[in-house]
Amino acid sequence: MKHPVDVHVGKRIRHRRWMVGMTQQQLAERVGIKFQQIQKYETGMNRVSASRLWDIADALEVPVSFFFEGLDQKRQKPEVAGAVPADILSDKEALELVRSYYSIPETQRRRLFELARVLSDAS
């Protein structure tokens, strides 16, 4: 049975790996393990040891605490209908949207941002 903390840590590993554009294979090579083990960590199937989490944090250039961010919020706050989930960037579509957004030239990005703000206020 998967422990909720292991699942959360795994999602944060996947989230950060996606954010830096790294594959499971690349992360595994940097940490010195097989990519299948990264898959198991990311799904929460296998628990990440403290020393391995330290190595993963180093490879992904984040503090170890990054993997535990938002854990208390999940325990304390049930999701409200229509609210944005705390781990929104663990969603592939949302991440792709953010990457695409930042690839747009700044002046056009500002216009797109303002349009999105107006559209969201209208609903």
Protein backbone atom coordinates (compact mmCIF):
# COMPACT_ATOMS: atom_id res chain seq x y z
CA MET A 1 0.00 0.00 0.00
CA LYS A 2 1.33 3.44 -0.96
CA HIS A 3 1.87 5.92 1.85
CA PRO A 4 0.53 9.42 1.08
CA VAL A 5 3.89 11.02 1.94
CA ASP A 6 5.72 8.74 -0.50
CA VAL A 7 3.19 9.63 -3.22
CA HIS A 8 3.61 13.36 -2.49
CA VAL A 9 7.42 13.17 -2.55
CA GLY A 10 7.25 11.20 -5.81
CA LYS A 11 5.00 13.80 -7.41
CA ARG A 12 7.40 16.55 -6.35
CA ILE A 13 10.33 14.63 -7.87
CA ARG A 14 8.42 14.29 -11.16
CA HIS A 15 7.33 17.94 -11.01
CA ARG A 16 10.87 19.24 -10.59
CA ARG A 17 12.26 16.85 -13.21
CA TRP A 18 9.68 18.12 -15.71
CA MET A 19 10.40 21.74 -14.79
CA VAL A 20 14.08 21.37 -15.62
CA GLY A 21 13.32 19.31 -18.74
CA MET A 22 15.11 16.19 -17.55
CA THR A 23 14.12 12.63 -18.49
CA GLN A 24 13.86 9.79 -16.00
CA GLN A 25 16.92 8.26 -17.65
CA GLN A 26 18.97 11.44 -17.21
CA LEU A 27 18.00 11.77 -13.55
CA ALA A 28 18.76 8.11 -12.94
CA GLU A 29 22.22 8.48 -14.49
CA ARG A 30 23.00 11.52 -12.33
CA VAL A 31 21.91 9.66 -9.20
CA GLY A 32 23.55 6.37 -10.20
CA ILE A 33 20.48 4.14 -10.41
CA LYS A 34 18.24 2.61 -13.08
CA PHE A 35 15.44 4.71 -14.58
CA GLN A 36 12.89 2.10 -13.44
CA GLN A 37 13.71 3.05 -9.87
CA ILE A 38 12.94 6.70 -10.67
CA GLN A 39 9.57 5.53 -12.06
CA LYS A 40 8.84 3.72 -8.82
CA TYR A 41 9.80 6.76 -6.75
CA GLU A 42 7.63 9.08 -8.85
CA THR A 43 4.56 6.89 -8.42
CA GLY A 44 5.15 6.42 -4.70
CA MET A 45 5.50 2.68 -5.24
CA ASN A 46 8.95 2.72 -3.60
CA ARG A 47 9.92 4.90 -0.66
CA VAL A 48 12.93 7.18 -1.23
CA SER A 49 15.64 6.83 1.41
CA ALA A 50 17.08 9.98 2.99
CA SER A 51 20.44 9.59 1.25
CA ARG A 52 18.83 8.93 -2.13
CA LEU A 53 16.52 11.95 -1.69
CA TRP A 54 19.62 14.00 -0.93
CA ASP A 55 21.21 12.83 -4.20
CA ILE A 56 18.02 13.53 -6.17
CA ALA A 57 17.76 17.00 -4.66
CA ASP A 58 21.36 17.67 -5.65
CA ALA A 59 20.77 16.42 -9.21
CA LEU A 60 17.62 18.56 -9.54
CA GLU A 61 19.26 21.56 -7.83
CA VAL A 62 16.67 22.04 -5.08
CA PRO A 63 16.83 21.75 -1.29
CA VAL A 64 15.51 18.48 0.16
CA SER A 65 12.66 20.46 1.74
CA PHE A 66 11.30 21.12 -1.78
CA PHE A 67 9.95 17.57 -1.90
CA PHE A 68 7.83 18.13 1.23
CA GLU A 69 6.36 21.52 0.28
CA GLY A 70 2.56 21.54 0.33
CA LEU A 71 2.32 18.38 2.42
CA ASP A 72 0.78 20.13 5.43
CA GLN A 73 -1.72 21.96 3.22
CA LYS A 74 -3.02 18.69 1.81
CA ARG A 75 -3.63 17.40 5.31
CA GLN A 76 -5.34 20.55 6.59
CA LYS A 77 -7.30 21.96 3.64
CA PRO A 78 -9.77 19.94 1.59
CA GLU A 79 -9.98 21.13 -2.02
CA VAL A 80 -12.76 23.58 -2.75
CA ALA A 81 -14.71 23.20 -5.98
CA GLY A 82 -13.16 25.40 -8.67
CA ALA A 83 -9.99 26.01 -6.65
CA VAL A 84 -6.59 25.48 -8.23
CA PRO A 85 -4.83 22.46 -6.68
CA ALA A 86 -1.61 23.18 -4.79
CA ASP A 87 0.33 20.83 -7.07
CA ILE A 88 -1.01 22.31 -10.32
CA LEU A 89 2.34 21.93 -12.07
CA SER A 90 2.28 18.18 -11.56
CA ASP A 91 -0.32 18.19 -14.34
CA LYS A 92 1.37 17.70 -17.73
CA GLU A 93 -1.01 20.06 -19.53
CA ALA A 94 -0.43 22.84 -17.00
CA LEU A 95 3.33 22.38 -17.20
CA GLU A 96 3.24 22.47 -21.00
CA LEU A 97 1.18 25.66 -20.83
CA VAL A 98 3.75 27.30 -18.53
CA ARG A 99 6.65 26.26 -20.76
CA SER A 100 4.86 27.58 -23.84
CA TYR A 101 3.95 30.81 -22.06
CA TYR A 102 7.57 31.53 -21.18
CA SER A 103 8.73 30.81 -24.72
CA ILE A 104 6.60 33.72 -26.00
CA PRO A 105 8.44 37.08 -26.35
CA GLU A 106 7.91 39.26 -23.28
CA THR A 107 5.73 41.97 -24.87
CA GLN A 108 3.35 39.39 -26.33
CA ARG A 109 3.44 37.42 -23.08
CA ARG A 110 2.26 40.49 -21.15
CA ARG A 111 -0.66 40.91 -23.56
CA LEU A 112 -1.58 37.26 -23.24
CA PHE A 113 -1.42 37.55 -19.46
CA GLU A 114 -3.76 40.55 -19.47
CA LEU A 115 -6.17 38.72 -21.80
CA ALA A 116 -6.20 35.70 -19.49
CA ARG A 117 -6.83 37.94 -16.48
CA VAL A 118 -9.78 39.64 -18.22
CA LEU A 119 -11.24 36.30 -19.34
CA SER A 120 -10.97 34.82 -15.85
CA ASP A 121 -12.67 37.86 -14.31
CA ALA A 122 -15.50 37.58 -16.82
CA SER A 123 -16.45 34.06 -15.75
